All heavy atoms as atom14 arrays in JSON, in Angstrom:
{
  "sequence": "SDQYDVLRRHALYLIVRAVGYDDGLGAGRSLLALKTTDAGAEECSLWV",
  "atom14_mask": [
    [1, 1, 1, 1, 1, 1, 0, 0, 0, 0, 0, 0, 0, 0],
    [1, 1, 1, 1, 1, 1, 1, 1, 0, 0, 0, 0, 0, 0],
    [1, 1, 1, 1, 1, 1, 1, 1, 1, 0, 0, 0, 0, 0],
    [1, 1, 1, 1, 1, 1, 1, 1, 1, 1, 1, 1, 0, 0],
    [1, 1, 1, 1, 1, 1, 1, 1, 0, 0, 0, 0, 0, 0],
    [1, 1, 1, 1, 1, 1, 1, 0, 0, 0, 0, 0, 0, 0],
    [1, 1, 1, 1, 1, 1, 1, 1, 0, 0, 0, 0, 0, 0],
    [1, 1, 1, 1, 1, 1, 1, 1, 1, 1, 1, 0, 0, 0],
    [1, 1, 1, 1, 1, 1, 1, 1, 1, 1, 1, 0, 0, 0],
    [1, 1, 1, 1, 1, 1, 1, 1, 1, 1, 0, 0, 0, 0],
    [1, 1, 1, 1, 1, 0, 0, 0, 0, 0, 0, 0, 0, 0],
    [1, 1, 1, 1, 1, 1, 1, 1, 0, 0, 0, 0, 0, 0],
    [1, 1, 1, 1, 1, 1, 1, 1, 1, 1, 1, 1, 0, 0],
    [1, 1, 1, 1, 1, 1, 1, 1, 0, 0, 0, 0, 0, 0],
    [1, 1, 1, 1, 1, 1, 1, 1, 0, 0, 0, 0, 0, 0],
    [1, 1, 1, 1, 1, 1, 1, 0, 0, 0, 0, 0, 0, 0],
    [1, 1, 1, 1, 1, 1, 1, 1, 1, 1, 1, 0, 0, 0],
    [1, 1, 1, 1, 1, 0, 0, 0, 0, 0, 0, 0, 0, 0],
    [1, 1, 1, 1, 1, 1, 1, 0, 0, 0, 0, 0, 0, 0],
    [1, 1, 1, 1, 0, 0, 0, 0, 0, 0, 0, 0, 0, 0],
    [1, 1, 1, 1, 1, 1, 1, 1, 1, 1, 1, 1, 0, 0],
    [1, 1, 1, 1, 1, 1, 1, 1, 0, 0, 0, 0, 0, 0],
    [1, 1, 1, 1, 1, 1, 1, 1, 0, 0, 0, 0, 0, 0],
    [1, 1, 1, 1, 0, 0, 0, 0, 0, 0, 0, 0, 0, 0],
    [1, 1, 1, 1, 1, 1, 1, 1, 0, 0, 0, 0, 0, 0],
    [1, 1, 1, 1, 0, 0, 0, 0, 0, 0, 0, 0, 0, 0],
    [1, 1, 1, 1, 1, 0, 0, 0, 0, 0, 0, 0, 0, 0],
    [1, 1, 1, 1, 0, 0, 0, 0, 0, 0, 0, 0, 0, 0],
    [1, 1, 1, 1, 1, 1, 1, 1, 1, 1, 1, 0, 0, 0],
    [1, 1, 1, 1, 1, 1, 0, 0, 0, 0, 0, 0, 0, 0],
    [1, 1, 1, 1, 1, 1, 1, 1, 0, 0, 0, 0, 0, 0],
    [1, 1, 1, 1, 1, 1, 1, 1, 0, 0, 0, 0, 0, 0],
    [1, 1, 1, 1, 1, 0, 0, 0, 0, 0, 0, 0, 0, 0],
    [1, 1, 1, 1, 1, 1, 1, 1, 0, 0, 0, 0, 0, 0],
    [1, 1, 1, 1, 1, 1, 1, 1, 1, 0, 0, 0, 0, 0],
    [1, 1, 1, 1, 1, 1, 1, 0, 0, 0, 0, 0, 0, 0],
    [1, 1, 1, 1, 1, 1, 1, 0, 0, 0, 0, 0, 0, 0],
    [1, 1, 1, 1, 1, 1, 1, 1, 0, 0, 0, 0, 0, 0],
    [1, 1, 1, 1, 1, 0, 0, 0, 0, 0, 0, 0, 0, 0],
    [1, 1, 1, 1, 0, 0, 0, 0, 0, 0, 0, 0, 0, 0],
    [1, 1, 1, 1, 1, 0, 0, 0, 0, 0, 0, 0, 0, 0],
    [1, 1, 1, 1, 1, 1, 1, 1, 1, 0, 0, 0, 0, 0],
    [1, 1, 1, 1, 1, 1, 1, 1, 1, 0, 0, 0, 0, 0],
    [1, 1, 1, 1, 1, 1, 0, 0, 0, 0, 0, 0, 0, 0],
    [1, 1, 1, 1, 1, 1, 0, 0, 0, 0, 0, 0, 0, 0],
    [1, 1, 1, 1, 1, 1, 1, 1, 0, 0, 0, 0, 0, 0],
    [1, 1, 1, 1, 1, 1, 1, 1, 1, 1, 1, 1, 1, 1],
    [1, 1, 1, 1, 1, 1, 1, 0, 0, 0, 0, 0, 0, 0]
  ],
  "atom14_positions": [
    [[-0.81, 15.6, 0.55], [0.09, 16.12, -0.51], [1.0, 17.22, -0.05], [2.06, 17.39, -0.6], [-0.77, 16.56, -1.72], [-1.63, 17.62, -1.3], [0.0, 0.0, 0.0], [0.0, 0.0, 0.0], [0.0, 0.0, 0.0], [0.0, 0.0, 0.0], [0.0, 0.0, 0.0], [0.0, 0.0, 0.0], [0.0, 0.0, 0.0], [0.0, 0.0, 0.0]],
    [[0.59, 17.95, 0.99], [1.46, 18.99, 1.52], [2.44, 18.47, 2.6], [3.16, 19.23, 3.2], [0.62, 20.18, 2.09], [-0.29, 19.73, 3.2], [-0.27, 18.58, 3.64], [-1.1, 20.63, 3.67], [0.0, 0.0, 0.0], [0.0, 0.0, 0.0], [0.0, 0.0, 0.0], [0.0, 0.0, 0.0], [0.0, 0.0, 0.0], [0.0, 0.0, 0.0]],
    [[2.4, 17.12, 2.85], [3.24, 16.47, 3.79], [3.0, 16.94, 5.23], [3.8, 16.66, 6.14], [4.7, 16.71, 3.44], [5.14, 16.26, 2.13], [5.21, 14.8, 1.93], [5.72, 14.11, 2.81], [4.74, 14.3, 0.81], [0.0, 0.0, 0.0], [0.0, 0.0, 0.0], [0.0, 0.0, 0.0], [0.0, 0.0, 0.0], [0.0, 0.0, 0.0]],
    [[1.85, 17.55, 5.5], [1.6, 18.09, 6.82], [0.97, 17.06, 7.75], [1.37, 16.92, 8.88], [0.66, 19.3, 6.73], [0.46, 20.01, 8.02], [1.48, 20.8, 8.58], [-0.75, 19.93, 8.68], [1.3, 21.42, 9.81], [-0.96, 20.57, 9.88], [0.08, 21.29, 10.45], [-0.1, 21.92, 11.66], [0.0, 0.0, 0.0], [0.0, 0.0, 0.0]],
    [[0.02, 16.31, 7.24], [-0.65, 15.26, 8.07], [-0.3, 13.87, 7.65], [-0.27, 13.58, 6.48], [-2.21, 15.43, 7.98], [-2.7, 16.73, 8.61], [-2.2, 17.1, 9.69], [-3.57, 17.36, 8.01], [0.0, 0.0, 0.0], [0.0, 0.0, 0.0], [0.0, 0.0, 0.0], [0.0, 0.0, 0.0], [0.0, 0.0, 0.0], [0.0, 0.0, 0.0]],
    [[-0.01, 12.99, 8.61], [0.23, 11.56, 8.3], [-1.12, 10.83, 8.32], [-1.87, 10.93, 9.26], [1.18, 10.96, 9.37], [1.32, 9.49, 9.12], [2.52, 11.67, 9.35], [0.0, 0.0, 0.0], [0.0, 0.0, 0.0], [0.0, 0.0, 0.0], [0.0, 0.0, 0.0], [0.0, 0.0, 0.0], [0.0, 0.0, 0.0], [0.0, 0.0, 0.0]],
    [[-1.38, 10.21, 7.18], [-2.67, 9.52, 7.03], [-2.61, 8.08, 7.5], [-3.54, 7.53, 8.08], [-3.15, 9.56, 5.57], [-3.31, 10.95, 5.01], [-3.62, 10.87, 3.53], [-4.41, 11.73, 5.69], [0.0, 0.0, 0.0], [0.0, 0.0, 0.0], [0.0, 0.0, 0.0], [0.0, 0.0, 0.0], [0.0, 0.0, 0.0], [0.0, 0.0, 0.0]],
    [[-1.47, 7.51, 7.3], [-1.28, 6.05, 7.61], [0.18, 5.69, 7.65], [0.99, 6.24, 6.91], [-1.97, 5.19, 6.53], [-1.96, 3.73, 6.73], [-3.29, 3.19, 7.27], [-3.15, 1.82, 7.58], [-3.72, 1.3, 8.63], [-4.46, 2.04, 9.41], [-3.61, 0.05, 8.89], [0.0, 0.0, 0.0], [0.0, 0.0, 0.0], [0.0, 0.0, 0.0]],
    [[0.53, 4.77, 8.53], [1.89, 4.2, 8.57], [1.78, 2.69, 8.37], [0.93, 2.07, 8.98], [2.59, 4.5, 9.86], [2.83, 5.97, 10.12], [3.52, 6.21, 11.48], [3.48, 7.6, 11.85], [4.45, 8.46, 11.55], [5.48, 8.03, 10.84], [4.4, 9.68, 11.94], [0.0, 0.0, 0.0], [0.0, 0.0, 0.0], [0.0, 0.0, 0.0]],
    [[2.71, 2.19, 7.57], [2.81, 0.73, 7.39], [4.19, 0.31, 7.9], [5.21, 0.66, 7.34], [2.62, 0.37, 5.92], [1.3, 0.64, 5.35], [0.19, -0.1, 5.63], [0.88, 1.68, 4.58], [-0.89, 0.4, 5.02], [-0.46, 1.5, 4.37], [0.0, 0.0, 0.0], [0.0, 0.0, 0.0], [0.0, 0.0, 0.0], [0.0, 0.0, 0.0]],
    [[4.21, -0.48, 8.94], [5.49, -0.94, 9.51], [6.16, -1.85, 8.55], [5.53, -2.68, 7.92], [5.27, -1.65, 10.87], [0.0, 0.0, 0.0], [0.0, 0.0, 0.0], [0.0, 0.0, 0.0], [0.0, 0.0, 0.0], [0.0, 0.0, 0.0], [0.0, 0.0, 0.0], [0.0, 0.0, 0.0], [0.0, 0.0, 0.0], [0.0, 0.0, 0.0]],
    [[7.5, -1.73, 8.44], [8.23, -2.48, 7.47], [8.07, -4.01, 7.69], [7.88, -4.76, 6.71], [9.69, -2.12, 7.55], [10.63, -2.6, 6.48], [10.15, -2.09, 5.11], [12.06, -2.14, 6.73], [0.0, 0.0, 0.0], [0.0, 0.0, 0.0], [0.0, 0.0, 0.0], [0.0, 0.0, 0.0], [0.0, 0.0, 0.0], [0.0, 0.0, 0.0]],
    [[8.05, -4.45, 8.9], [7.96, -5.89, 9.21], [6.58, -6.44, 8.86], [6.4, -7.67, 8.81], [8.38, -6.21, 10.58], [7.39, -5.78, 11.66], [6.5, -6.7, 12.22], [7.35, -4.47, 12.19], [5.6, -6.35, 13.19], [6.47, -4.09, 13.13], [5.61, -5.02, 13.63], [4.7, -4.65, 14.62], [0.0, 0.0, 0.0], [0.0, 0.0, 0.0]],
    [[5.6, -5.61, 8.62], [4.25, -6.1, 8.28], [3.94, -6.1, 6.81], [2.87, -6.63, 6.37], [3.16, -5.26, 9.02], [3.2, -5.34, 10.57], [2.16, -4.42, 11.19], [3.04, -6.74, 11.03], [0.0, 0.0, 0.0], [0.0, 0.0, 0.0], [0.0, 0.0, 0.0], [0.0, 0.0, 0.0], [0.0, 0.0, 0.0], [0.0, 0.0, 0.0]],
    [[4.84, -5.55, 6.02], [4.67, -5.49, 4.56], [5.1, -6.81, 3.96], [6.18, -7.29, 4.13], [5.47, -4.32, 3.93], [5.0, -3.0, 4.47], [5.37, -4.36, 2.42], [5.78, -1.82, 4.05], [0.0, 0.0, 0.0], [0.0, 0.0, 0.0], [0.0, 0.0, 0.0], [0.0, 0.0, 0.0], [0.0, 0.0, 0.0], [0.0, 0.0, 0.0]],
    [[4.11, -7.47, 3.25], [4.39, -8.72, 2.65], [4.89, -8.52, 1.2], [5.82, -9.23, 0.73], [3.13, -9.62, 2.7], [3.37, -10.96, 1.92], [2.66, -9.87, 4.08], [0.0, 0.0, 0.0], [0.0, 0.0, 0.0], [0.0, 0.0, 0.0], [0.0, 0.0, 0.0], [0.0, 0.0, 0.0], [0.0, 0.0, 0.0], [0.0, 0.0, 0.0]],
    [[4.26, -7.6, 0.5], [4.59, -7.41, -0.94], [4.2, -6.01, -1.33], [3.25, -5.41, -0.8], [3.83, -8.4, -1.79], [4.18, -8.39, -3.2], [3.6, -9.59, -3.98], [3.99, -9.52, -5.37], [4.81, -10.36, -5.92], [5.18, -11.42, -5.27], [5.16, -10.22, -7.18], [0.0, 0.0, 0.0], [0.0, 0.0, 0.0], [0.0, 0.0, 0.0]],
    [[4.96, -5.44, -2.28], [4.65, -4.14, -2.81], [4.78, -4.17, -4.35], [5.76, -4.75, -4.82], [5.57, -3.08, -2.24], [0.0, 0.0, 0.0], [0.0, 0.0, 0.0], [0.0, 0.0, 0.0], [0.0, 0.0, 0.0], [0.0, 0.0, 0.0], [0.0, 0.0, 0.0], [0.0, 0.0, 0.0], [0.0, 0.0, 0.0], [0.0, 0.0, 0.0]],
    [[3.85, -3.59, -5.07], [3.84, -3.62, -6.49], [3.5, -2.21, -6.97], [2.44, -1.68, -6.6], [2.88, -4.67, -7.06], [2.87, -4.58, -8.61], [3.17, -6.04, -6.58], [0.0, 0.0, 0.0], [0.0, 0.0, 0.0], [0.0, 0.0, 0.0], [0.0, 0.0, 0.0], [0.0, 0.0, 0.0], [0.0, 0.0, 0.0], [0.0, 0.0, 0.0]],
    [[4.28, -1.67, -7.9], [3.98, -0.42, -8.52], [3.53, -0.6, -9.92], [4.13, -1.38, -10.68], [0.0, 0.0, 0.0], [0.0, 0.0, 0.0], [0.0, 0.0, 0.0], [0.0, 0.0, 0.0], [0.0, 0.0, 0.0], [0.0, 0.0, 0.0], [0.0, 0.0, 0.0], [0.0, 0.0, 0.0], [0.0, 0.0, 0.0], [0.0, 0.0, 0.0]],
    [[2.44, 0.01, -10.4], [1.89, -0.24, -11.75], [1.09, 0.89, -12.22], [0.6, 1.77, -11.42], [1.13, -1.51, -11.71], [-0.06, -1.54, -10.87], [-1.36, -1.29, -11.39], [0.02, -1.8, -9.52], [-2.46, -1.27, -10.54], [-1.13, -1.83, -8.69], [-2.32, -1.55, -9.22], [-3.43, -1.56, -8.39], [0.0, 0.0, 0.0], [0.0, 0.0, 0.0]],
    [[0.84, 0.94, -13.54], [-0.07, 1.91, -14.19], [-1.46, 1.36, -14.09], [-1.68, 0.15, -14.16], [0.34, 2.11, -15.63], [-0.5, 3.12, -16.32], [-0.34, 4.32, -16.06], [-1.41, 2.68, -17.1], [0.0, 0.0, 0.0], [0.0, 0.0, 0.0], [0.0, 0.0, 0.0], [0.0, 0.0, 0.0], [0.0, 0.0, 0.0], [0.0, 0.0, 0.0]],
    [[-2.46, 2.21, -13.91], [-3.82, 1.69, -13.75], [-4.4, 0.97, -14.91], [-5.38, 0.22, -14.82], [-4.8, 2.83, -13.29], [-5.07, 3.85, -14.37], [-4.5, 3.7, -15.5], [-5.84, 4.77, -14.12], [0.0, 0.0, 0.0], [0.0, 0.0, 0.0], [0.0, 0.0, 0.0], [0.0, 0.0, 0.0], [0.0, 0.0, 0.0], [0.0, 0.0, 0.0]],
    [[-3.77, 1.15, -16.12], [-4.24, 0.37, -17.29], [-5.51, 0.88, -17.94], [-6.0, 0.3, -18.87], [0.0, 0.0, 0.0], [0.0, 0.0, 0.0], [0.0, 0.0, 0.0], [0.0, 0.0, 0.0], [0.0, 0.0, 0.0], [0.0, 0.0, 0.0], [0.0, 0.0, 0.0], [0.0, 0.0, 0.0], [0.0, 0.0, 0.0], [0.0, 0.0, 0.0]],
    [[-6.05, 1.98, -17.39], [-7.34, 2.52, -17.9], [-7.13, 3.69, -18.81], [-8.04, 4.29, -19.23], [-8.26, 2.87, -16.76], [-8.61, 1.7, -15.88], [-9.4, 2.25, -14.62], [-9.44, 0.66, -16.56], [0.0, 0.0, 0.0], [0.0, 0.0, 0.0], [0.0, 0.0, 0.0], [0.0, 0.0, 0.0], [0.0, 0.0, 0.0], [0.0, 0.0, 0.0]],
    [[-5.84, 4.03, -19.05], [-5.53, 5.16, -19.92], [-5.65, 6.46, -19.23], [-5.49, 7.54, -19.8], [0.0, 0.0, 0.0], [0.0, 0.0, 0.0], [0.0, 0.0, 0.0], [0.0, 0.0, 0.0], [0.0, 0.0, 0.0], [0.0, 0.0, 0.0], [0.0, 0.0, 0.0], [0.0, 0.0, 0.0], [0.0, 0.0, 0.0], [0.0, 0.0, 0.0]],
    [[-5.94, 6.47, -17.89], [-6.01, 7.73, -17.12], [-4.7, 8.21, -16.65], [-4.59, 9.31, -16.16], [-6.95, 7.49, -15.96], [0.0, 0.0, 0.0], [0.0, 0.0, 0.0], [0.0, 0.0, 0.0], [0.0, 0.0, 0.0], [0.0, 0.0, 0.0], [0.0, 0.0, 0.0], [0.0, 0.0, 0.0], [0.0, 0.0, 0.0], [0.0, 0.0, 0.0]],
    [[-3.64, 7.4, -16.86], [-2.3, 7.82, -16.48], [-2.04, 7.81, -14.97], [-1.13, 8.51, -14.5], [0.0, 0.0, 0.0], [0.0, 0.0, 0.0], [0.0, 0.0, 0.0], [0.0, 0.0, 0.0], [0.0, 0.0, 0.0], [0.0, 0.0, 0.0], [0.0, 0.0, 0.0], [0.0, 0.0, 0.0], [0.0, 0.0, 0.0], [0.0, 0.0, 0.0]],
    [[-2.85, 7.07, -14.23], [-2.6, 7.02, -12.77], [-1.55, 5.92, -12.44], [-1.69, 4.85, -12.94], [-3.95, 6.73, -12.06], [-4.93, 7.87, -12.19], [-6.12, 7.75, -11.23], [-6.99, 8.83, -11.36], [-8.18, 8.77, -11.94], [-8.68, 7.66, -12.38], [-8.91, 9.87, -11.98], [0.0, 0.0, 0.0], [0.0, 0.0, 0.0], [0.0, 0.0, 0.0]],
    [[-0.68, 6.31, -11.57], [0.35, 5.37, -11.14], [-0.03, 4.95, -9.71], [-0.3, 5.74, -8.87], [1.68, 6.06, -11.13], [2.02, 6.5, -12.44], [0.0, 0.0, 0.0], [0.0, 0.0, 0.0], [0.0, 0.0, 0.0], [0.0, 0.0, 0.0], [0.0, 0.0, 0.0], [0.0, 0.0, 0.0], [0.0, 0.0, 0.0], [0.0, 0.0, 0.0]],
    [[-0.1, 3.61, -9.55], [-0.57, 3.11, -8.3], [0.48, 2.23, -7.59], [1.35, 1.65, -8.24], [-1.84, 2.22, -8.54], [-2.97, 2.93, -9.26], [-4.07, 1.96, -9.61], [-3.51, 4.09, -8.47], [0.0, 0.0, 0.0], [0.0, 0.0, 0.0], [0.0, 0.0, 0.0], [0.0, 0.0, 0.0], [0.0, 0.0, 0.0], [0.0, 0.0, 0.0]],
    [[0.37, 2.25, -6.28], [1.27, 1.34, -5.46], [0.31, 0.53, -4.62], [-0.54, 0.99, -3.94], [2.13, 2.18, -4.54], [3.0, 1.4, -3.55], [4.1, 0.66, -4.26], [3.56, 2.29, -2.47], [0.0, 0.0, 0.0], [0.0, 0.0, 0.0], [0.0, 0.0, 0.0], [0.0, 0.0, 0.0], [0.0, 0.0, 0.0], [0.0, 0.0, 0.0]],
    [[0.47, -0.83, -4.8], [-0.39, -1.78, -4.0], [0.54, -2.38, -2.97], [1.67, -2.84, -3.27], [-0.93, -2.84, -4.96], [0.0, 0.0, 0.0], [0.0, 0.0, 0.0], [0.0, 0.0, 0.0], [0.0, 0.0, 0.0], [0.0, 0.0, 0.0], [0.0, 0.0, 0.0], [0.0, 0.0, 0.0], [0.0, 0.0, 0.0], [0.0, 0.0, 0.0]],
    [[0.05, -2.4, -1.72], [0.78, -3.03, -0.61], [-0.06, -4.13, -0.06], [-1.22, -3.9, 0.25], [1.03, -2.02, 0.5], [1.95, -0.87, 0.25], [1.99, 0.09, 1.46], [3.35, -1.32, -0.06], [0.0, 0.0, 0.0], [0.0, 0.0, 0.0], [0.0, 0.0, 0.0], [0.0, 0.0, 0.0], [0.0, 0.0, 0.0], [0.0, 0.0, 0.0]],
    [[0.55, -5.25, 0.18], [-0.09, -6.37, 0.89], [0.58, -6.39, 2.23], [1.82, -6.5, 2.31], [0.07, -7.67, 0.15], [-0.53, -8.84, 0.81], [-0.34, -10.13, 0.06], [-0.92, -11.35, 0.77], [-0.65, -12.62, 0.07], [0.0, 0.0, 0.0], [0.0, 0.0, 0.0], [0.0, 0.0, 0.0], [0.0, 0.0, 0.0], [0.0, 0.0, 0.0]],
    [[-0.23, -6.26, 3.26], [0.26, -6.24, 4.68], [-0.46, -7.34, 5.44], [-1.51, -7.86, 5.06], [0.03, -4.9, 5.33], [-1.37, -4.62, 5.42], [0.71, -3.77, 4.54], [0.0, 0.0, 0.0], [0.0, 0.0, 0.0], [0.0, 0.0, 0.0], [0.0, 0.0, 0.0], [0.0, 0.0, 0.0], [0.0, 0.0, 0.0], [0.0, 0.0, 0.0]],
    [[0.19, -7.68, 6.54], [-0.37, -8.64, 7.45], [-0.45, -7.98, 8.85], [0.11, -6.95, 9.09], [0.43, -9.94, 7.5], [-0.24, -10.93, 8.28], [1.83, -9.71, 8.09], [0.0, 0.0, 0.0], [0.0, 0.0, 0.0], [0.0, 0.0, 0.0], [0.0, 0.0, 0.0], [0.0, 0.0, 0.0], [0.0, 0.0, 0.0], [0.0, 0.0, 0.0]],
    [[-1.22, -8.6, 9.74], [-1.27, -8.09, 11.12], [-0.15, -8.73, 11.9], [0.52, -9.64, 11.37], [-2.66, -8.33, 11.75], [-3.04, -9.81, 11.81], [-2.24, -10.67, 11.35], [-4.09, -10.12, 12.33], [0.0, 0.0, 0.0], [0.0, 0.0, 0.0], [0.0, 0.0, 0.0], [0.0, 0.0, 0.0], [0.0, 0.0, 0.0], [0.0, 0.0, 0.0]],
    [[0.08, -8.31, 13.1], [1.21, -8.8, 13.89], [1.14, -10.32, 14.17], [2.15, -10.94, 14.27], [1.23, -8.06, 15.26], [0.0, 0.0, 0.0], [0.0, 0.0, 0.0], [0.0, 0.0, 0.0], [0.0, 0.0, 0.0], [0.0, 0.0, 0.0], [0.0, 0.0, 0.0], [0.0, 0.0, 0.0], [0.0, 0.0, 0.0], [0.0, 0.0, 0.0]],
    [[-0.07, -10.86, 14.2], [-0.18, -12.31, 14.43], [-0.18, -13.09, 13.15], [-0.29, -14.32, 13.15], [0.0, 0.0, 0.0], [0.0, 0.0, 0.0], [0.0, 0.0, 0.0], [0.0, 0.0, 0.0], [0.0, 0.0, 0.0], [0.0, 0.0, 0.0], [0.0, 0.0, 0.0], [0.0, 0.0, 0.0], [0.0, 0.0, 0.0], [0.0, 0.0, 0.0]],
    [[-0.03, -12.44, 12.0], [-0.04, -13.13, 10.67], [-1.26, -13.91, 10.42], [-1.21, -14.93, 9.78], [1.25, -13.88, 10.46], [0.0, 0.0, 0.0], [0.0, 0.0, 0.0], [0.0, 0.0, 0.0], [0.0, 0.0, 0.0], [0.0, 0.0, 0.0], [0.0, 0.0, 0.0], [0.0, 0.0, 0.0], [0.0, 0.0, 0.0], [0.0, 0.0, 0.0]],
    [[-2.43, -13.46, 11.0], [-3.64, -14.13, 10.8], [-4.47, -13.56, 9.65], [-5.25, -14.29, 9.05], [-4.46, -14.07, 12.11], [-3.78, -14.79, 13.23], [-4.56, -14.66, 14.55], [-5.66, -14.1, 14.54], [-4.05, -15.09, 15.55], [0.0, 0.0, 0.0], [0.0, 0.0, 0.0], [0.0, 0.0, 0.0], [0.0, 0.0, 0.0], [0.0, 0.0, 0.0]],
    [[-4.36, -12.29, 9.39], [-5.12, -11.59, 8.3], [-4.24, -10.85, 7.41], [-3.22, -10.27, 7.89], [-6.2, -10.74, 8.88], [-7.25, -11.52, 9.66], [-8.38, -10.52, 10.19], [-8.45, -9.43, 9.72], [-9.17, -10.95, 11.04], [0.0, 0.0, 0.0], [0.0, 0.0, 0.0], [0.0, 0.0, 0.0], [0.0, 0.0, 0.0], [0.0, 0.0, 0.0]],
    [[-4.63, -10.7, 6.17], [-3.89, -9.83, 5.22], [-4.83, -8.71, 4.79], [-6.04, -8.86, 4.72], [-3.43, -10.62, 4.02], [-2.11, -11.8, 4.36], [0.0, 0.0, 0.0], [0.0, 0.0, 0.0], [0.0, 0.0, 0.0], [0.0, 0.0, 0.0], [0.0, 0.0, 0.0], [0.0, 0.0, 0.0], [0.0, 0.0, 0.0], [0.0, 0.0, 0.0]],
    [[-4.19, -7.55, 4.47], [-4.95, -6.45, 3.91], [-4.24, -6.03, 2.61], [-3.03, -6.13, 2.46], [-4.95, -5.28, 4.9], [-5.61, -5.64, 6.12], [0.0, 0.0, 0.0], [0.0, 0.0, 0.0], [0.0, 0.0, 0.0], [0.0, 0.0, 0.0], [0.0, 0.0, 0.0], [0.0, 0.0, 0.0], [0.0, 0.0, 0.0], [0.0, 0.0, 0.0]],
    [[-5.02, -5.43, 1.72], [-4.52, -4.87, 0.47], [-4.8, -3.39, 0.46], [-5.94, -2.97, 0.61], [-5.15, -5.57, -0.75], [-4.63, -5.04, -2.11], [-3.17, -5.35, -2.27], [-5.46, -5.71, -3.24], [0.0, 0.0, 0.0], [0.0, 0.0, 0.0], [0.0, 0.0, 0.0], [0.0, 0.0, 0.0], [0.0, 0.0, 0.0], [0.0, 0.0, 0.0]],
    [[-3.78, -2.62, 0.34], [-3.81, -1.11, 0.34], [-3.39, -0.65, -1.04], [-2.32, -1.14, -1.54], [-2.93, -0.54, 1.37], [-3.21, -1.02, 2.73], [-2.72, -2.16, 3.34], [-4.04, -0.43, 3.68], [-3.17, -2.24, 4.62], [-4.01, -1.18, 4.9], [-4.85, 0.75, 3.72], [-4.72, -0.88, 5.98], [-5.56, 1.08, 4.88], [-5.47, 0.27, 5.99]],
    [[-4.14, 0.24, -1.71], [-3.77, 0.77, -2.98], [-3.7, 2.29, -2.87], [-4.68, 2.89, -2.45], [-4.75, 0.36, -4.11], [-4.31, 0.91, -5.47], [-4.85, -1.2, -4.19], [0.0, 0.0, 0.0], [0.0, 0.0, 0.0], [0.0, 0.0, 0.0], [0.0, 0.0, 0.0], [0.0, 0.0, 0.0], [0.0, 0.0, 0.0], [0.0, 0.0, 0.0]]
  ]
}
């Protein structure tokens, strides 16, 4: 949150899809879901 440490980088060419949404639980949390693939396009990961 202080922009001091980088926790993770997602390369643009590995991002398959991105969706922004409200958590739907009434907690008011805004979420970003990223679907990424590996360089060989063999596996996908979901990051929220």
